[in-house]
Structure formats: structure tokens, C-alpha cells
Amino acid sequence: MQSRVCSPPETLAPWLGPPGLVAGVDEAGRGPLAGPVFAAAVVLDDSRPIHGLRDSKRLSAQARERLHDEIVEHARCWAIGVAEVEEIDRLNILQATLLAMRRAVLGLRESPVLVQVDGTQRPALPMAVQTVVRGDASVPAISAASILAKVQRDRLCAELHARHPQYGFDAHKGYPTAAHLDALRRHGACPEHRRSFGPVARALRGQG
């Protein structure tokens, strides 16, 4: 069954456009010091409900993996967009995040008439965009997108750990924890570190 905009929740601005597919969008990886930023776009299928959707940060890793596979199997369509480290350093993290979101939406097999994005920033898209503060906790399609983006990025961090075990990417996922900052001081930056981020820039100056 096609997802339609009929009666939006009271927390959202009224949607007066034509009925059609609605996509939820969220990102993972704005805050870390290393690796790409991921975004996901999801159009849910009303005839195949997915139970337990919520903000990915409030789920255990095991629950996220289970829901990730269920979303991939049961959603009407979904797509992942990525902005690489070079793009983050060249554009800045906000613009790179919006670029990843745009890539995710444009990668959907079916084009939505409305895109609901977690937060307050709008990617440039050829269809209507609605921002929803805390949407990952209140809009199921955005919750689903947050889960896909988080799992995809965590899997990338596992690959980074295999290549650079001295940094501990499997534990901190690239975030600036005390252990990560200490590893940066001791080992300097690896190719996947974001050079435009302060702690990484300081580590590079220390290397020099």
C-alpha cells in the first residue's frame, strides 16, 4: 500500500500538497573525527509494518541490526547516501551531511512527494522538504532512516578498526573520546581522519 500524507501529527506543520509517497531521512556520523557521514532515506510500506522503530541511539546494537534487516526487507524502498572524508574537509560537515541526504533521497527507487528530515536543516531537493525536530523519535520513517544510517556507519567503523586497530574505532566509532584523542596524540592521524576537525588538525601539527 502506498504511504500517503492524510493527517499529519499535530507536532508537524500541515501538509497541503498532493498525496503520494513520503520518505524519512536521517544521518549518522556528523560528530566523529574520522570516516564518512552516512544518510539514509526510507519509504515505509503501510502493508508491512515494522514494530519497534525508534531513535537508533535508544536501541541496543543487537536491536539495531535486527531492525536494519527488517527495514531492508519490508520497506517500500530505501537508499543510503555517503559524503566522503575529502568532501567533509572541503565543504564542511553540515554541507557534506546535506549532500549525503540529497544523495540518499535521489537514490530511492521511487520518488517521494514529501521528504521529512530529522532536525532543522533542509537538503536541496526537487520535492517538498519538511524538517522535524526530534523526528527520529516521533516519525517512524525517520526512525527507520536513523537505524539504517547508524548500522551502515558502524559497519564502516568495524572496517576502519580492522585497518587501523591502534585507534579503537570498534569502541568509540570515531567520536572524540579520551581513548581516541590519546591515540591521535600517540599515533597521529590516519588517512580516514577528518583534517578539518580541530583535534585532528592539532594531531597533524604535532606530527609535523
C-alpha atoms as a PDB file:
ATOM      1  CA  MET A   1       0.000   0.000   0.000  1.00  0.00           C
ATOM      2  CA  GLN A   2       1.248   3.454  -0.861  1.00  0.00           C
ATOM      3  CA  SER A   3       2.178   5.676   2.088  1.00  0.00           C
ATOM      4  CA  ARG A   4       0.071   8.826   1.893  1.00  0.00           C
ATOM      5  CA  VAL A   5       0.013  12.126   3.720  1.00  0.00           C
ATOM      6  CA  CYS A   6      -3.538  12.464   5.040  1.00  0.00           C
ATOM      7  CA  SER A   7      -3.465  13.672   8.623  1.00  0.00           C
ATOM      8  CA  PRO A   8      -0.009  14.700   9.843  1.00  0.00           C
ATOM      9  CA  PRO A   9       0.754  14.576  13.572  1.00  0.00           C
ATOM     10  CA  GLU A  10      -0.070  17.817  15.390  1.00  0.00           C
ATOM     11  CA  THR A  11       3.640  18.389  16.022  1.00  0.00           C
ATOM     12  CA  LEU A  12       4.233  18.839  12.290  1.00  0.00           C
ATOM     13  CA  ALA A  13       3.248  21.719  10.068  1.00  0.00           C
ATOM     14  CA  PRO A  14       0.180  20.827   7.929  1.00  0.00           C
ATOM     15  CA  TRP A  15       0.989  19.251   4.593  1.00  0.00           C
ATOM     16  CA  LEU A  16      -1.395  20.530   1.941  1.00  0.00           C
ATOM     17  CA  GLY A  17       0.240  19.081  -1.141  1.00  0.00           C
ATOM     18  CA  PRO A  18      -0.946  16.134  -3.242  1.00  0.00           C
ATOM     19  CA  PRO A  19      -0.971  12.641  -1.730  1.00  0.00           C
ATOM     20  CA  GLY A  20       1.961  10.405  -2.514  1.00  0.00           C
ATOM     21  CA  LEU A  21       4.995   8.694  -1.097  1.00  0.00           C
ATOM     22  CA  VAL A  22       6.653  10.156   1.996  1.00  0.00           C
ATOM     23  CA  ALA A  23      10.319   9.497   2.761  1.00  0.00           C
ATOM     24  CA  GLY A  24      12.029   9.819   6.122  1.00  0.00           C
ATOM     25  CA  VAL A  25      15.667  10.939   6.211  1.00  0.00           C
ATOM     26  CA  ASP A  26      18.323  10.932   8.915  1.00  0.00           C
ATOM     27  CA  GLU A  27      22.109  10.876   9.183  1.00  0.00           C
ATOM     28  CA  ALA A  28      24.846   9.236  11.208  1.00  0.00           C
ATOM     29  CA  GLY A  29      28.389  10.446  11.677  1.00  0.00           C
ATOM     30  CA  ARG A  30      28.358  14.237  11.981  1.00  0.00           C
ATOM     31  CA  GLY A  31      30.288  14.312  15.251  1.00  0.00           C
ATOM     32  CA  PRO A  32      33.078  11.737  14.770  1.00  0.00           C
ATOM     33  CA  LEU A  33      36.633  12.704  13.875  1.00  0.00           C
ATOM     34  CA  ALA A  34      37.006  10.094  11.152  1.00  0.00           C
ATOM     35  CA  GLY A  35      35.177   8.363   8.343  1.00  0.00           C
ATOM     36  CA  PRO A  36      32.368   9.417   6.005  1.00  0.00           C
ATOM     37  CA  VAL A  37      28.993  10.779   7.061  1.00  0.00           C
ATOM     38  CA  PHE A  38      26.087   8.495   6.159  1.00  0.00           C
ATOM     39  CA  ALA A  39      22.467   9.370   5.415  1.00  0.00           C
ATOM     40  CA  ALA A  40      19.513   7.095   4.777  1.00  0.00           C
ATOM     41  CA  ALA A  41      16.161   7.687   3.111  1.00  0.00           C
ATOM     42  CA  VAL A  42      13.295   5.283   3.762  1.00  0.00           C
ATOM     43  CA  VAL A  43       9.764   4.970   2.403  1.00  0.00           C
ATOM     44  CA  LEU A  44       7.830   2.579   4.609  1.00  0.00           C
ATOM     45  CA  ASP A  45       5.176   0.182   3.329  1.00  0.00           C
ATOM     46  CA  ASP A  46       1.911   0.512   5.265  1.00  0.00           C
ATOM     47  CA  SER A  47       1.014  -3.083   4.419  1.00  0.00           C
ATOM     48  CA  ARG A  48       4.223  -4.406   6.015  1.00  0.00           C
ATOM     49  CA  PRO A  49       4.522  -2.646   9.378  1.00  0.00           C
ATOM     50  CA  ILE A  50       7.810  -2.748  11.282  1.00  0.00           C
ATOM     51  CA  HIS A  51       7.409  -2.835  15.036  1.00  0.00           C
ATOM     52  CA  GLY A  52       9.876  -1.278  17.457  1.00  0.00           C
ATOM     53  CA  LEU A  53      11.072   1.645  15.323  1.00  0.00           C
ATOM     54  CA  ARG A  54      12.602   4.434  17.396  1.00  0.00           C
ATOM     55  CA  ASP A  55      15.626   6.692  17.585  1.00  0.00           C
ATOM     56  CA  SER A  56      18.612   4.476  16.766  1.00  0.00           C
ATOM     57  CA  LYS A  57      20.550   5.898  19.723  1.00  0.00           C
ATOM     58  CA  ARG A  58      17.965   4.405  22.097  1.00  0.00           C
ATOM     59  CA  LEU A  59      18.388   0.892  20.724  1.00  0.00           C
ATOM     60  CA  SER A  60      20.989  -1.718  21.541  1.00  0.00           C
ATOM     61  CA  ALA A  61      23.393  -2.705  18.780  1.00  0.00           C
ATOM     62  CA  GLN A  62      21.639  -6.066  18.517  1.00  0.00           C
ATOM     63  CA  ALA A  63      18.218  -4.420  18.165  1.00  0.00           C
ATOM     64  CA  ARG A  64      19.542  -2.020  15.537  1.00  0.00           C
ATOM     65  CA  GLU A  65      20.944  -4.880  13.472  1.00  0.00           C
ATOM     66  CA  ARG A  66      17.653  -6.784  13.675  1.00  0.00           C
ATOM     67  CA  LEU A  67      15.597  -3.751  12.704  1.00  0.00           C
ATOM     68  CA  HIS A  68      18.068  -2.822   9.962  1.00  0.00           C
ATOM     69  CA  ASP A  69      17.496  -6.171   8.263  1.00  0.00           C
ATOM     70  CA  GLU A  70      13.727  -5.884   8.718  1.00  0.00           C
ATOM     71  CA  ILE A  71      13.680  -2.388   7.219  1.00  0.00           C
ATOM     72  CA  VAL A  72      15.747  -3.515   4.241  1.00  0.00           C
ATOM     73  CA  GLU A  73      13.334  -6.405   3.679  1.00  0.00           C
ATOM     74  CA  HIS A  74       9.982  -4.708   4.347  1.00  0.00           C
ATOM     75  CA  ALA A  75      10.322  -1.032   3.410  1.00  0.00           C
ATOM     76  CA  ARG A  76       8.799   0.025   0.117  1.00  0.00           C
ATOM     77  CA  CYS A  77      12.172   1.471  -0.844  1.00  0.00           C
ATOM     78  CA  TRP A  78      15.318   2.767   0.828  1.00  0.00           C
ATOM     79  CA  ALA A  79      18.702   4.185  -0.109  1.00  0.00           C
ATOM     80  CA  ILE A  80      21.977   5.189   1.529  1.00  0.00           C
ATOM     81  CA  GLY A  81      23.895   8.351   0.706  1.00  0.00           C
ATOM     82  CA  VAL A  82      27.513   8.956   1.719  1.00  0.00           C
ATOM     83  CA  ALA A  83      29.763  12.006   1.812  1.00  0.00           C
ATOM     84  CA  GLU A  84      33.415  11.048   1.976  1.00  0.00           C
ATOM     85  CA  VAL A  85      36.093  12.484   4.253  1.00  0.00           C
ATOM     86  CA  GLU A  86      37.525  14.606   1.415  1.00  0.00           C
ATOM     87  CA  GLU A  87      34.093  16.158   0.862  1.00  0.00           C
ATOM     88  CA  ILE A  88      33.664  16.828   4.588  1.00  0.00           C
ATOM     89  CA  ASP A  89      37.018  18.629   4.702  1.00  0.00           C
ATOM     90  CA  ARG A  90      36.288  20.593   1.533  1.00  0.00           C
ATOM     91  CA  LEU A  91      32.651  21.554   2.157  1.00  0.00           C
ATOM     92  CA  ASN A  92      32.372  21.441   5.989  1.00  0.00           C
ATOM     93  CA  ILE A  93      30.423  18.813   7.920  1.00  0.00           C
ATOM     94  CA  LEU A  94      26.994  20.474   7.612  1.00  0.00           C
ATOM     95  CA  GLN A  95      27.148  20.816   3.844  1.00  0.00           C
ATOM     96  CA  ALA A  96      28.568  17.305   3.489  1.00  0.00           C
ATOM     97  CA  THR A  97      25.717  15.948   5.604  1.00  0.00           C
ATOM     98  CA  LEU A  98      23.135  17.713   3.444  1.00  0.00           C
ATOM     99  CA  LEU A  99      24.887  16.312   0.367  1.00  0.00           C
ATOM    100  CA  ALA A 100      24.682  12.770   1.773  1.00  0.00           C
ATOM    101  CA  MET A 101      20.960  13.296   2.476  1.00  0.00           C
ATOM    102  CA  ARG A 102      20.382  14.535  -1.070  1.00  0.00           C
ATOM    103  CA  ARG A 103      22.191  11.512  -2.469  1.00  0.00           C
ATOM    104  CA  ALA A 104      20.087   9.174  -0.331  1.00  0.00           C
ATOM    105  CA  VAL A 105      16.775  10.680  -1.450  1.00  0.00           C
ATOM    106  CA  LEU A 106      17.761  10.817  -5.122  1.00  0.00           C
ATOM    107  CA  GLY A 107      18.865   7.196  -4.845  1.00  0.00           C
ATOM    108  CA  LEU A 108      15.379   5.967  -3.939  1.00  0.00           C
ATOM    109  CA  ARG A 109      13.808   3.618  -6.464  1.00  0.00           C
ATOM    110  CA  GLU A 110      10.557   5.613  -6.227  1.00  0.00           C
ATOM    111  CA  SER A 111      10.476   9.378  -5.897  1.00  0.00           C
ATOM    112  CA  PRO A 112       8.563  10.751  -2.891  1.00  0.00           C
ATOM    113  CA  VAL A 113       6.387  13.873  -2.966  1.00  0.00           C
ATOM    114  CA  LEU A 114       7.478  14.814   0.556  1.00  0.00           C
ATOM    115  CA  VAL A 115      10.740  14.288   2.417  1.00  0.00           C
ATOM    116  CA  GLN A 116      10.703  14.546   6.205  1.00  0.00           C
ATOM    117  CA  VAL A 117      14.174  15.233   7.624  1.00  0.00           C
ATOM    118  CA  ASP A 118      15.286  14.932  11.224  1.00  0.00           C
ATOM    119  CA  GLY A 119      16.491  18.237  12.672  1.00  0.00           C
ATOM    120  CA  THR A 120      16.306  21.769  11.309  1.00  0.00           C
ATOM    121  CA  GLN A 121      18.422  21.733   8.131  1.00  0.00           C
ATOM    122  CA  ARG A 122      16.993  21.089   4.664  1.00  0.00           C
ATOM    123  CA  PRO A 123      18.928  19.385   1.864  1.00  0.00           C
ATOM    124  CA  ALA A 124      18.398  20.830  -1.606  1.00  0.00           C
ATOM    125  CA  LEU A 125      15.854  18.571  -3.280  1.00  0.00           C
ATOM    126  CA  PRO A 126      13.377  18.806  -6.171  1.00  0.00           C
ATOM    127  CA  MET A 127      10.416  17.909  -3.931  1.00  0.00           C
ATOM    128  CA  ALA A 128       8.877  19.322  -0.741  1.00  0.00           C
ATOM    129  CA  VAL A 129      11.055  19.019   2.362  1.00  0.00           C
ATOM    130  CA  GLN A 130       9.779  19.207   5.930  1.00  0.00           C
ATOM    131  CA  THR A 131      12.152  19.381   8.889  1.00  0.00           C
ATOM    132  CA  VAL A 132      11.091  17.653  12.100  1.00  0.00           C
ATOM    133  CA  VAL A 133      12.919  18.346  15.357  1.00  0.00           C
ATOM    134  CA  ARG A 134      13.452  15.026  17.152  1.00  0.00           C
ATOM    135  CA  GLY A 135      11.853  13.329  14.171  1.00  0.00           C
ATOM    136  CA  ASP A 136      13.926  10.201  14.789  1.00  0.00           C
ATOM    137  CA  ALA A 137      11.811   9.665  17.915  1.00  0.00           C
ATOM    138  CA  SER A 138       8.409  10.686  16.518  1.00  0.00           C
ATOM    139  CA  VAL A 139       8.213   9.802  12.801  1.00  0.00           C
ATOM    140  CA  PRO A 140       8.569   6.078  12.002  1.00  0.00           C
ATOM    141  CA  ALA A 141      10.160   6.602   8.573  1.00  0.00           C
ATOM    142  CA  ILE A 142      12.771   8.918  10.085  1.00  0.00           C
ATOM    143  CA  SER A 143      13.387   6.375  12.868  1.00  0.00           C
ATOM    144  CA  ALA A 144      13.929   3.735  10.201  1.00  0.00           C
ATOM    145  CA  ALA A 145      16.350   6.021   8.372  1.00  0.00           C
ATOM    146  CA  SER A 146      18.272   6.681  11.583  1.00  0.00           C
ATOM    147  CA  ILE A 147      18.666   2.941  12.111  1.00  0.00           C
ATOM    148  CA  LEU A 148      19.898   2.272   8.567  1.00  0.00           C
ATOM    149  CA  ALA A 149      22.390   5.140   8.677  1.00  0.00           C
ATOM    150  CA  LYS A 150      23.699   4.172  12.119  1.00  0.00           C
ATOM    151  CA  VAL A 151      24.172   0.486  11.259  1.00  0.00           C
ATOM    152  CA  GLN A 152      25.859   1.267   7.941  1.00  0.00           C
ATOM    153  CA  ARG A 153      28.288   3.651   9.604  1.00  0.00           C
ATOM    154  CA  ASP A 154      29.004   1.249  12.485  1.00  0.00           C
ATOM    155  CA  ARG A 155      29.862  -1.430   9.934  1.00  0.00           C
ATOM    156  CA  LEU A 156      32.259   1.009   8.286  1.00  0.00           C
ATOM    157  CA  CYS A 157      33.868   1.656  11.680  1.00  0.00           C
ATOM    158  CA  ALA A 158      34.449  -2.079  12.059  1.00  0.00           C
ATOM    159  CA  GLU A 159      36.317  -1.982   8.739  1.00  0.00           C
ATOM    160  CA  LEU A 160      38.345   1.028   9.928  1.00  0.00           C
ATOM    161  CA  HIS A 161      39.253  -0.869  13.085  1.00  0.00           C
ATOM    162  CA  ALA A 162      40.488  -3.805  11.016  1.00  0.00           C
ATOM    163  CA  ARG A 163      42.746  -1.437   9.021  1.00  0.00           C
ATOM    164  CA  HIS A 164      43.841   0.754  11.940  1.00  0.00           C
ATOM    165  CA  PRO A 165      43.405  -1.194  15.210  1.00  0.00           C
ATOM    166  CA  GLN A 166      45.583   1.250  17.154  1.00  0.00           C
ATOM    167  CA  TYR A 167      42.773   3.847  17.179  1.00  0.00           C
ATOM    168  CA  GLY A 168      39.994   1.669  18.615  1.00  0.00           C
ATOM    169  CA  PHE A 169      37.318   2.544  16.066  1.00  0.00           C
ATOM    170  CA  ASP A 170      35.335  -0.538  17.088  1.00  0.00           C
ATOM    171  CA  ALA A 171      34.739   1.001  20.533  1.00  0.00           C
ATOM    172  CA  HIS A 172      34.337   4.761  20.033  1.00  0.00           C
ATOM    173  CA  LYS A 173      33.092   4.726  16.412  1.00  0.00           C
ATOM    174  CA  GLY A 174      35.280   7.727  15.648  1.00  0.00           C
ATOM    175  CA  TYR A 175      33.879  10.031  18.326  1.00  0.00           C
ATOM    176  CA  PRO A 176      36.374  12.194  20.269  1.00  0.00           C
ATOM    177  CA  THR A 177      36.579  10.041  23.387  1.00  0.00           C
ATOM    178  CA  ALA A 178      39.566  10.251  25.725  1.00  0.00           C
ATOM    179  CA  ALA A 179      40.909   6.998  24.280  1.00  0.00           C
ATOM    180  CA  HIS A 180      40.586   8.257  20.702  1.00  0.00           C
ATOM    181  CA  LEU A 181      42.256  11.583  21.491  1.00  0.00           C
ATOM    182  CA  ASP A 182      45.084   9.754  23.236  1.00  0.00           C
ATOM    183  CA  ALA A 183      45.532   7.511  20.186  1.00  0.00           C
ATOM    184  CA  LEU A 184      45.666  10.595  17.974  1.00  0.00           C
ATOM    185  CA  ARG A 185      48.397  12.086  20.159  1.00  0.00           C
ATOM    186  CA  ARG A 186      50.394   8.856  20.107  1.00  0.00           C
ATOM    187  CA  HIS A 187      49.920   7.762  16.500  1.00  0.00           C
ATOM    188  CA  GLY A 188      48.943  10.898  14.641  1.00  0.00           C
ATOM    189  CA  ALA A 189      46.130  10.861  12.076  1.00  0.00           C
ATOM    190  CA  CYS A 190      45.298   8.058   9.658  1.00  0.00           C
ATOM    191  CA  PRO A 191      44.029   8.708   6.106  1.00  0.00           C
ATOM    192  CA  GLU A 192      40.402   8.391   7.229  1.00  0.00           C
ATOM    193  CA  HIS A 193      40.636  11.172   9.845  1.00  0.00           C
ATOM    194  CA  ARG A 194      38.888  14.452   9.031  1.00  0.00           C
ATOM    195  CA  ARG A 195      41.656  17.033   8.650  1.00  0.00           C
ATOM    196  CA  SER A 196      39.284  19.981   9.124  1.00  0.00           C
ATOM    197  CA  PHE A 197      38.317  18.875  12.647  1.00  0.00           C
ATOM    198  CA  GLY A 198      40.263  20.580  15.450  1.00  0.00           C
ATOM    199  CA  PRO A 199      41.653  17.534  17.322  1.00  0.00           C
ATOM    200  CA  VAL A 200      42.855  16.000  14.046  1.00  0.00           C
ATOM    201  CA  ALA A 201      44.441  19.254  12.885  1.00  0.00           C
ATOM    202  CA  ARG A 202      46.259  19.535  16.197  1.00  0.00           C
ATOM    203  CA  ALA A 203      47.493  15.944  15.898  1.00  0.00           C
ATOM    204  CA  LEU A 204      48.822  16.679  12.421  1.00  0.00           C
ATOM    205  CA  ARG A 205      50.637  19.764  13.692  1.00  0.00           C
ATOM    206  CA  GLY A 206      52.172  17.539  16.361  1.00  0.00           C
ATOM    207  CA  GLN A 207      53.309  15.115  13.650  1.00  0.00           C
ATOM    208  CA  GLY A 208      54.903  17.988  11.771  1.00  0.00           C
END
